[in-house]
Amino acid sequence: LAELAPLLEALPDPALLIDASMRIVSSNAAARRQM
């Protein structure tokens, strides 16, 4: 799932990728800044 990290970083809005155990697998800079 970490292969999707570049895709998330390209999004202008805050974005998170959550696995089946409810952990944050990846996020973009907008999400880290806002949250």
PDB file of all heavy atoms in Angstrom:
ATOM      1  N   LEU A   1       0.811  -1.215   0.000  1.00  0.00           N
ATOM      2  CA  LEU A   1       0.000   0.000   0.000  1.00  0.00           C
ATOM      3  C   LEU A   1       0.847   1.269   0.000  1.00  0.00           C
ATOM      4  O   LEU A   1       0.408   2.321  -0.460  1.00  0.00           O
ATOM      5  CB  LEU A   1      -0.927   0.007   1.223  1.00  0.00           C
ATOM      6  CG  LEU A   1      -2.088  -0.989   1.184  1.00  0.00           C
ATOM      7  CD1 LEU A   1      -2.772  -1.039   2.536  1.00  0.00           C
ATOM      8  CD2 LEU A   1      -3.087  -0.594   0.096  1.00  0.00           C
ATOM      9  N   ALA A   2       2.069   1.159   0.509  1.00  0.00           N
ATOM     10  CA  ALA A   2       2.929   2.340   0.546  1.00  0.00           C
ATOM     11  C   ALA A   2       3.286   2.834  -0.851  1.00  0.00           C
ATOM     12  O   ALA A   2       3.743   3.960  -1.017  1.00  0.00           O
ATOM     13  CB  ALA A   2       4.201   2.033   1.326  1.00  0.00           C
ATOM     14  N   GLU A   3       3.095   1.973  -1.871  1.00  0.00           N
ATOM     15  CA  GLU A   3       3.345   2.409  -3.237  1.00  0.00           C
ATOM     16  C   GLU A   3       2.415   3.536  -3.666  1.00  0.00           C
ATOM     17  O   GLU A   3       2.673   4.251  -4.629  1.00  0.00           O
ATOM     18  CB  GLU A   3       3.206   1.227  -4.205  1.00  0.00           C
ATOM     19  CG  GLU A   3       4.294   0.178  -4.044  1.00  0.00           C
ATOM     20  CD  GLU A   3       4.077  -1.003  -4.981  1.00  0.00           C
ATOM     21  OE1 GLU A   3       2.960  -1.534  -4.982  1.00  0.00           O
ATOM     22  OE2 GLU A   3       5.013  -1.355  -5.699  1.00  0.00           O
ATOM     23  N   LEU A   4       1.295   3.728  -2.956  1.00  0.00           N
ATOM     24  CA  LEU A   4       0.336   4.778  -3.290  1.00  0.00           C
ATOM     25  C   LEU A   4       0.714   6.131  -2.713  1.00  0.00           C
ATOM     26  O   LEU A   4       0.009   7.115  -2.926  1.00  0.00           O
ATOM     27  CB  LEU A   4      -1.059   4.382  -2.785  1.00  0.00           C
ATOM     28  CG  LEU A   4      -1.667   3.139  -3.433  1.00  0.00           C
ATOM     29  CD1 LEU A   4      -2.983   2.782  -2.763  1.00  0.00           C
ATOM     30  CD2 LEU A   4      -1.891   3.357  -4.918  1.00  0.00           C
ATOM     31  N   ALA A   5       1.785   6.195  -1.943  1.00  0.00           N
ATOM     32  CA  ALA A   5       2.181   7.457  -1.300  1.00  0.00           C
ATOM     33  C   ALA A   5       2.370   8.595  -2.297  1.00  0.00           C
ATOM     34  O   ALA A   5       1.892   9.712  -2.053  1.00  0.00           O
ATOM     35  CB  ALA A   5       3.447   7.249  -0.471  1.00  0.00           C
ATOM     36  N   PRO A   6       3.051   8.392  -3.440  1.00  0.00           N
ATOM     37  CA  PRO A   6       3.196   9.509  -4.393  1.00  0.00           C
ATOM     38  C   PRO A   6       1.857  10.011  -4.918  1.00  0.00           C
ATOM     39  O   PRO A   6       1.701  11.200  -5.185  1.00  0.00           O
ATOM     40  CB  PRO A   6       4.051   8.911  -5.518  1.00  0.00           C
ATOM     41  CG  PRO A   6       4.784   7.779  -4.875  1.00  0.00           C
ATOM     42  CD  PRO A   6       3.835   7.214  -3.874  1.00  0.00           C
ATOM     43  N   LEU A   7       0.885   9.105  -5.057  1.00  0.00           N
ATOM     44  CA  LEU A   7      -0.444   9.511  -5.515  1.00  0.00           C
ATOM     45  C   LEU A   7      -1.102  10.440  -4.501  1.00  0.00           C
ATOM     46  O   LEU A   7      -1.684  11.468  -4.849  1.00  0.00           O
ATOM     47  CB  LEU A   7      -1.315   8.285  -5.758  1.00  0.00           C
ATOM     48  CG  LEU A   7      -2.779   8.556  -6.118  1.00  0.00           C
ATOM     49  CD1 LEU A   7      -2.874   9.310  -7.435  1.00  0.00           C
ATOM     50  CD2 LEU A   7      -3.560   7.244  -6.216  1.00  0.00           C
ATOM     51  N   LEU A   8      -1.002  10.093  -3.213  1.00  0.00           N
ATOM     52  CA  LEU A   8      -1.590  10.927  -2.174  1.00  0.00           C
ATOM     53  C   LEU A   8      -0.924  12.296  -2.123  1.00  0.00           C
ATOM     54  O   LEU A   8      -1.595  13.315  -1.938  1.00  0.00           O
ATOM     55  CB  LEU A   8      -1.472  10.237  -0.807  1.00  0.00           C
ATOM     56  CG  LEU A   8      -2.698   9.445  -0.349  1.00  0.00           C
ATOM     57  CD1 LEU A   8      -2.944   8.262  -1.259  1.00  0.00           C
ATOM     58  CD2 LEU A   8      -2.530   8.980   1.086  1.00  0.00           C
ATOM     59  N   GLU A   9       0.389  12.326  -2.284  1.00  0.00           N
ATOM     60  CA  GLU A   9       1.100  13.601  -2.228  1.00  0.00           C
ATOM     61  C   GLU A   9       0.686  14.533  -3.361  1.00  0.00           C
ATOM     62  O   GLU A   9       0.782  15.755  -3.241  1.00  0.00           O
ATOM     63  CB  GLU A   9       2.611  13.382  -2.282  1.00  0.00           C
ATOM     64  CG  GLU A   9       3.210  12.819  -1.007  1.00  0.00           C
ATOM     65  CD  GLU A   9       3.140  13.799   0.161  1.00  0.00           C
ATOM     66  OE1 GLU A   9       2.799  14.983  -0.069  1.00  0.00           O
ATOM     67  OE2 GLU A   9       3.423  13.387   1.293  1.00  0.00           O
ATOM     68  N   ALA A  10       0.220  13.967  -4.475  1.00  0.00           N
ATOM     69  CA  ALA A  10      -0.185  14.801  -5.612  1.00  0.00           C
ATOM     70  C   ALA A  10      -1.555  15.440  -5.413  1.00  0.00           C
ATOM     71  O   ALA A  10      -1.918  16.357  -6.149  1.00  0.00           O
ATOM     72  CB  ALA A  10      -0.189  13.960  -6.891  1.00  0.00           C
ATOM     73  N   LEU A  11      -2.335  14.963  -4.437  1.00  0.00           N
ATOM     74  CA  LEU A  11      -3.673  15.521  -4.205  1.00  0.00           C
ATOM     75  C   LEU A  11      -3.579  16.858  -3.486  1.00  0.00           C
ATOM     76  O   LEU A  11      -2.843  16.998  -2.514  1.00  0.00           O
ATOM     77  CB  LEU A  11      -4.513  14.538  -3.374  1.00  0.00           C
ATOM     78  CG  LEU A  11      -4.836  13.193  -4.031  1.00  0.00           C
ATOM     79  CD1 LEU A  11      -5.574  12.296  -3.051  1.00  0.00           C
ATOM     80  CD2 LEU A  11      -5.669  13.399  -5.290  1.00  0.00           C
ATOM     81  N   PRO A  12      -4.363  17.854  -3.921  1.00  0.00           N
ATOM     82  CA  PRO A  12      -4.309  19.158  -3.245  1.00  0.00           C
ATOM     83  C   PRO A  12      -5.032  19.171  -1.909  1.00  0.00           C
ATOM     84  O   PRO A  12      -4.706  19.968  -1.035  1.00  0.00           O
ATOM     85  CB  PRO A  12      -4.997  20.091  -4.251  1.00  0.00           C
ATOM     86  CG  PRO A  12      -5.922  19.201  -5.023  1.00  0.00           C
ATOM     87  CD  PRO A  12      -5.233  17.871  -5.109  1.00  0.00           C
ATOM     88  N   ASP A  13      -6.033  18.302  -1.743  1.00  0.00           N
ATOM     89  CA  ASP A  13      -6.785  18.249  -0.493  1.00  0.00           C
ATOM     90  C   ASP A  13      -6.144  17.244   0.464  1.00  0.00           C
ATOM     91  O   ASP A  13      -5.455  16.307   0.029  1.00  0.00           O
ATOM     92  CB  ASP A  13      -8.235  17.825  -0.760  1.00  0.00           C
ATOM     93  CG  ASP A  13      -8.999  18.886  -1.533  1.00  0.00           C
ATOM     94  OD1 ASP A  13      -8.905  20.066  -1.153  1.00  0.00           O
ATOM     95  OD2 ASP A  13      -9.683  18.540  -2.518  1.00  0.00           O
ATOM     96  N   PRO A  14      -6.360  17.406   1.757  1.00  0.00           N
ATOM     97  CA  PRO A  14      -5.829  16.437   2.721  1.00  0.00           C
ATOM     98  C   PRO A  14      -6.342  15.028   2.409  1.00  0.00           C
ATOM     99  O   PRO A  14      -7.524  14.825   2.127  1.00  0.00           O
ATOM    100  CB  PRO A  14      -6.373  16.934   4.072  1.00  0.00           C
ATOM    101  CG  PRO A  14      -6.618  18.386   3.859  1.00  0.00           C
ATOM    102  CD  PRO A  14      -7.050  18.528   2.438  1.00  0.00           C
ATOM    103  N   ALA A  15      -5.436  14.042   2.461  1.00  0.00           N
ATOM    104  CA  ALA A  15      -5.802  12.668   2.130  1.00  0.00           C
ATOM    105  C   ALA A  15      -5.048  11.698   3.037  1.00  0.00           C
ATOM    106  O   ALA A  15      -3.884  11.925   3.381  1.00  0.00           O
ATOM    107  CB  ALA A  15      -5.503  12.359   0.663  1.00  0.00           C
ATOM    108  N   LEU A  16      -5.731  10.606   3.407  1.00  0.00           N
ATOM    109  CA  LEU A  16      -5.152   9.551   4.249  1.00  0.00           C
ATOM    110  C   LEU A  16      -5.428   8.201   3.616  1.00  0.00           C
ATOM    111  O   LEU A  16      -6.455   8.006   2.954  1.00  0.00           O
ATOM    112  CB  LEU A  16      -5.762   9.578   5.656  1.00  0.00           C
ATOM    113  CG  LEU A  16      -5.624  10.849   6.495  1.00  0.00           C
ATOM    114  CD1 LEU A  16      -6.440  10.709   7.774  1.00  0.00           C
ATOM    115  CD2 LEU A  16      -4.163  11.115   6.825  1.00  0.00           C
ATOM    116  N   LEU A  17      -4.514   7.252   3.849  1.00  0.00           N
ATOM    117  CA  LEU A  17      -4.717   5.864   3.451  1.00  0.00           C
ATOM    118  C   LEU A  17      -4.678   5.022   4.721  1.00  0.00           C
ATOM    119  O   LEU A  17      -3.676   5.025   5.440  1.00  0.00           O
ATOM    120  CB  LEU A  17      -3.638   5.418   2.468  1.00  0.00           C
ATOM    121  CG  LEU A  17      -3.876   4.073   1.773  1.00  0.00           C
ATOM    122  CD1 LEU A  17      -5.118   4.141   0.900  1.00  0.00           C
ATOM    123  CD2 LEU A  17      -2.665   3.679   0.933  1.00  0.00           C
ATOM    124  N   ILE A  18      -5.795   4.324   4.995  1.00  0.00           N
ATOM    125  CA  ILE A  18      -5.965   3.593   6.253  1.00  0.00           C
ATOM    126  C   ILE A  18      -6.073   2.106   5.948  1.00  0.00           C
ATOM    127  O   ILE A  18      -6.855   1.699   5.075  1.00  0.00           O
ATOM    128  CB  ILE A  18      -7.240   4.065   6.997  1.00  0.00           C
ATOM    129  CG1 ILE A  18      -7.269   5.585   7.089  1.00  0.00           C
ATOM    130  CG2 ILE A  18      -7.321   3.429   8.364  1.00  0.00           C
ATOM    131  CD1 ILE A  18      -6.114   6.201   7.828  1.00  0.00           C
ATOM    132  N   ASP A  19      -5.281   1.276   6.660  1.00  0.00           N
ATOM    133  CA  ASP A  19      -5.328  -0.172   6.402  1.00  0.00           C
ATOM    134  C   ASP A  19      -6.436  -0.820   7.227  1.00  0.00           C
ATOM    135  O   ASP A  19      -7.193  -0.149   7.948  1.00  0.00           O
ATOM    136  CB  ASP A  19      -3.970  -0.810   6.671  1.00  0.00           C
ATOM    137  CG  ASP A  19      -3.559  -0.716   8.132  1.00  0.00           C
ATOM    138  OD1 ASP A  19      -4.404  -0.373   8.987  1.00  0.00           O
ATOM    139  OD2 ASP A  19      -2.374  -0.983   8.434  1.00  0.00           O
ATOM    140  N   ALA A  20      -6.520  -2.151   7.129  1.00  0.00           N
ATOM    141  CA  ALA A  20      -7.608  -2.884   7.780  1.00  0.00           C
ATOM    142  C   ALA A  20      -7.547  -2.802   9.299  1.00  0.00           C
ATOM    143  O   ALA A  20      -8.566  -2.998   9.978  1.00  0.00           O
ATOM    144  CB  ALA A  20      -7.589  -4.344   7.330  1.00  0.00           C
ATOM    145  N   SER A  21      -6.405  -2.529   9.855  1.00  0.00           N
ATOM    146  CA  SER A  21      -6.277  -2.409  11.312  1.00  0.00           C
ATOM    147  C   SER A  21      -6.477  -0.973  11.795  1.00  0.00           C
ATOM    148  O   SER A  21      -6.164  -0.669  12.947  1.00  0.00           O
ATOM    149  CB  SER A  21      -4.912  -2.929  11.761  1.00  0.00           C
ATOM    150  OG  SER A  21      -3.869  -2.146  11.191  1.00  0.00           O
ATOM    151  N   MET A  22      -6.973  -0.101  10.899  1.00  0.00           N
ATOM    152  CA  MET A  22      -7.266   1.305  11.221  1.00  0.00           C
ATOM    153  C   MET A  22      -6.000   2.108  11.509  1.00  0.00           C
ATOM    154  O   MET A  22      -6.027   3.087  12.230  1.00  0.00           O
ATOM    155  CB  MET A  22      -8.241   1.411  12.396  1.00  0.00           C
ATOM    156  CG  MET A  22      -9.596   0.775  12.149  1.00  0.00           C
ATOM    157  SD  MET A  22     -10.538   1.635  10.867  1.00  0.00           S
ATOM    158  CE  MET A  22     -11.045   3.110  11.749  1.00  0.00           C
ATOM    159  N   ARG A  23      -4.885   1.690  10.932  1.00  0.00           N
ATOM    160  CA  ARG A  23      -3.651   2.458  11.058  1.00  0.00           C
ATOM    161  C   ARG A  23      -3.418   3.294   9.804  1.00  0.00           C
ATOM    162  O   ARG A  23      -3.838   2.918   8.703  1.00  0.00           O
ATOM    163  CB  ARG A  23      -2.448   1.529  11.281  1.00  0.00           C
ATOM    164  CG  ARG A  23      -2.424   0.845  12.641  1.00  0.00           C
ATOM    165  CD  ARG A  23      -1.176  -0.008  12.786  1.00  0.00           C
ATOM    166  NE  ARG A  23      -1.123  -0.693  14.068  1.00  0.00           N
ATOM    167  CZ  ARG A  23      -0.594  -0.180  15.167  1.00  0.00           C
ATOM    168  NH1 ARG A  23      -0.049   1.026  15.119  1.00  0.00           N
ATOM    169  NH2 ARG A  23      -0.583  -0.863  16.292  1.00  0.00           N
ATOM    170  N   ILE A  24      -2.720   4.412   9.972  1.00  0.00           N
ATOM    171  CA  ILE A  24      -2.407   5.295   8.853  1.00  0.00           C
ATOM    172  C   ILE A  24      -1.219   4.712   8.092  1.00  0.00           C
ATOM    173  O   ILE A  24      -0.103   4.664   8.605  1.00  0.00           O
ATOM    174  CB  ILE A  24      -2.086   6.712   9.345  1.00  0.00           C
ATOM    175  CG1 ILE A  24      -3.278   7.298  10.108  1.00  0.00           C
ATOM    176  CG2 ILE A  24      -1.707   7.618   8.181  1.00  0.00           C
ATOM    177  CD1 ILE A  24      -2.969   8.617  10.775  1.00  0.00           C
ATOM    178  N   VAL A  25      -1.470   4.255   6.872  1.00  0.00           N
ATOM    179  CA  VAL A  25      -0.411   3.697   6.033  1.00  0.00           C
ATOM    180  C   VAL A  25       0.343   4.820   5.331  1.00  0.00           C
ATOM    181  O   VAL A  25       1.564   4.785   5.217  1.00  0.00           O
ATOM    182  CB  VAL A  25      -1.003   2.725   4.995  1.00  0.00           C
ATOM    183  CG1 VAL A  25       0.098   2.189   4.077  1.00  0.00           C
ATOM    184  CG2 VAL A  25      -1.721   1.589   5.687  1.00  0.00           C
ATOM    185  N   SER A  26      -0.403   5.835   4.872  1.00  0.00           N
ATOM    186  CA  SER A  26       0.221   6.925   4.143  1.00  0.00           C
ATOM    187  C   SER A  26      -0.648   8.166   4.274  1.00  0.00           C
ATOM    188  O   SER A  26      -1.847   8.078   4.570  1.00  0.00           O
ATOM    189  CB  SER A  26       0.414   6.555   2.667  1.00  0.00           C
ATOM    190  OG  SER A  26       1.134   7.566   1.990  1.00  0.00           O
ATOM    191  N   SER A  27      -0.043   9.325   4.043  1.00  0.00           N
ATOM    192  CA  SER A  27      -0.765  10.599   4.110  1.00  0.00           C
ATOM    193  C   SER A  27      -0.017  11.612   3.257  1.00  0.00           C
ATOM    194  O   SER A  27       1.142  11.407   2.898  1.00  0.00           O
ATOM    195  CB  SER A  27      -0.861  11.087   5.564  1.00  0.00           C
ATOM    196  OG  SER A  27       0.439  11.301   6.103  1.00  0.00           O
ATOM    197  N   ASN A  28      -0.688  12.702   2.922  1.00  0.00           N
ATOM    198  CA  ASN A  28      -0.003  13.752   2.176  1.00  0.00           C
ATOM    199  C   ASN A  28       0.292  14.942   3.082  1.00  0.00           C
ATOM    200  O   ASN A  28      -0.163  15.013   4.231  1.00  0.00           O
ATOM    201  CB  ASN A  28      -0.799  14.172   0.933  1.00  0.00           C
ATOM    202  CG  ASN A  28      -2.142  14.791   1.284  1.00  0.00           C
ATOM    203  OD1 ASN A  28      -2.512  14.888   2.449  1.00  0.00           O
ATOM    204  ND2 ASN A  28      -2.875  15.198   0.268  1.00  0.00           N
ATOM    205  N   ALA A  29       1.054  15.877   2.561  1.00  0.00           N
ATOM    206  CA  ALA A  29       1.491  17.013   3.373  1.00  0.00           C
ATOM    207  C   ALA A  29       0.315  17.854   3.847  1.00  0.00           C
ATOM    208  O   ALA A  29       0.326  18.375   4.964  1.00  0.00           O
ATOM    209  CB  ALA A  29       2.466  17.881   2.566  1.00  0.00           C
ATOM    210  N   ALA A  30      -0.722  17.984   3.010  1.00  0.00           N
ATOM    211  CA  ALA A  30      -1.890  18.784   3.398  1.00  0.00           C
ATOM    212  C   ALA A  30      -2.576  18.185   4.615  1.00  0.00           C
ATOM    213  O   ALA A  30      -3.014  18.906   5.520  1.00  0.00           O
ATOM    214  CB  ALA A  30      -2.864  18.889   2.222  1.00  0.00           C
ATOM    215  N   ALA A  31      -2.681  16.856   4.670  1.00  0.00           N
ATOM    216  CA  ALA A  31      -3.316  16.195   5.823  1.00  0.00           C
ATOM    217  C   ALA A  31      -2.469  16.350   7.073  1.00  0.00           C
ATOM    218  O   ALA A  31      -2.989  16.632   8.167  1.00  0.00           O
ATOM    219  CB  ALA A  31      -3.546  14.719   5.509  1.00  0.00           C
ATOM    220  N   ARG A  32      -1.162  16.171   6.938  1.00  0.00           N
ATOM    221  CA  ARG A  32      -0.292  16.288   8.116  1.00  0.00           C
ATOM    222  C   ARG A  32      -0.289  17.716   8.666  1.00  0.00           C
ATOM    223  O   ARG A  32      -0.253  17.919   9.891  1.00  0.00           O
ATOM    224  CB  ARG A  32       1.127  15.852   7.750  1.00  0.00           C
ATOM    225  CG  ARG A  32       1.231  14.369   7.413  1.00  0.00           C
ATOM    226  CD  ARG A  32       2.674  13.922   7.274  1.00  0.00           C
ATOM    227  NE  ARG A  32       3.355  14.533   6.141  1.00  0.00           N
ATOM    228  CZ  ARG A  32       3.356  14.044   4.907  1.00  0.00           C
ATOM    229  NH1 ARG A  32       2.677  12.926   4.653  1.00  0.00           N
ATOM    230  NH2 ARG A  32       4.020  14.646   3.930  1.00  0.00           N
ATOM    231  N   ARG A  33      -0.376  18.686   7.757  1.00  0.00           N
ATOM    232  CA  ARG A  33      -0.387  20.075   8.211  1.00  0.00           C
ATOM    233  C   ARG A  33      -1.710  20.425   8.887  1.00  0.00           C
ATOM    234  O   ARG A  33      -1.731  21.075   9.930  1.00  0.00           O
ATOM    235  CB  ARG A  33      -0.140  20.993   7.009  1.00  0.00           C
ATOM    236  CG  ARG A  33      -0.087  22.465   7.361  1.00  0.00           C
ATOM    237  CD  ARG A  33       0.332  23.286   6.165  1.00  0.00           C
ATOM    238  NE  ARG A  33      -0.534  23.101   5.013  1.00  0.00           N
ATOM    239  CZ  ARG A  33      -0.195  22.439   3.912  1.00  0.00           C
ATOM    240  NH1 ARG A  33       0.982  21.881   3.805  1.00  0.00           N
ATOM    241  NH2 ARG A  33      -1.041  22.312   2.899  1.00  0.00           N
ATOM    242  N   GLN A  34      -2.813  20.002   8.316  1.00  0.00           N
ATOM    243  CA  GLN A  34      -4.119  20.358   8.869  1.00  0.00           C
ATOM    244  C   GLN A  34      -4.421  19.608  10.155  1.00  0.00           C
ATOM    245  O   GLN A  34      -4.967  20.174  11.104  1.00  0.00           O
ATOM    246  CB  GLN A  34      -5.218  20.082   7.834  1.00  0.00           C
ATOM    247  CG  GLN A  34      -6.629  20.386   8.332  1.00  0.00           C
ATOM    248  CD  GLN A  34      -7.654  20.224   7.237  1.00  0.00           C
ATOM    249  OE1 GLN A  34      -7.527  20.779   6.146  1.00  0.00           O
ATOM    250  NE2 GLN A  34      -8.688  19.442   7.509  1.00  0.00           N
ATOM    251  N   MET A  35      -4.071  18.322  10.216  1.00  0.00           N
ATOM    252  CA  MET A  35      -4.407  17.509  11.384  1.00  0.00           C
ATOM    253  C   MET A  35      -3.275  17.444  12.399  1.00  0.00           C
ATOM    254  O   MET A  35      -3.412  16.812  13.442  1.00  0.00           O
ATOM    255  CB  MET A  35      -4.781  16.089  10.926  1.00  0.00           C
ATOM    256  CG  MET A  35      -5.965  16.081   9.975  1.00  0.00           C
ATOM    257  SD  MET A  35      -6.400  14.423   9.407  1.00  0.00           S
ATOM    258  CE  MET A  35      -7.639  14.832   8.163  1.00  0.00           C
TER     259      MET A  35
END
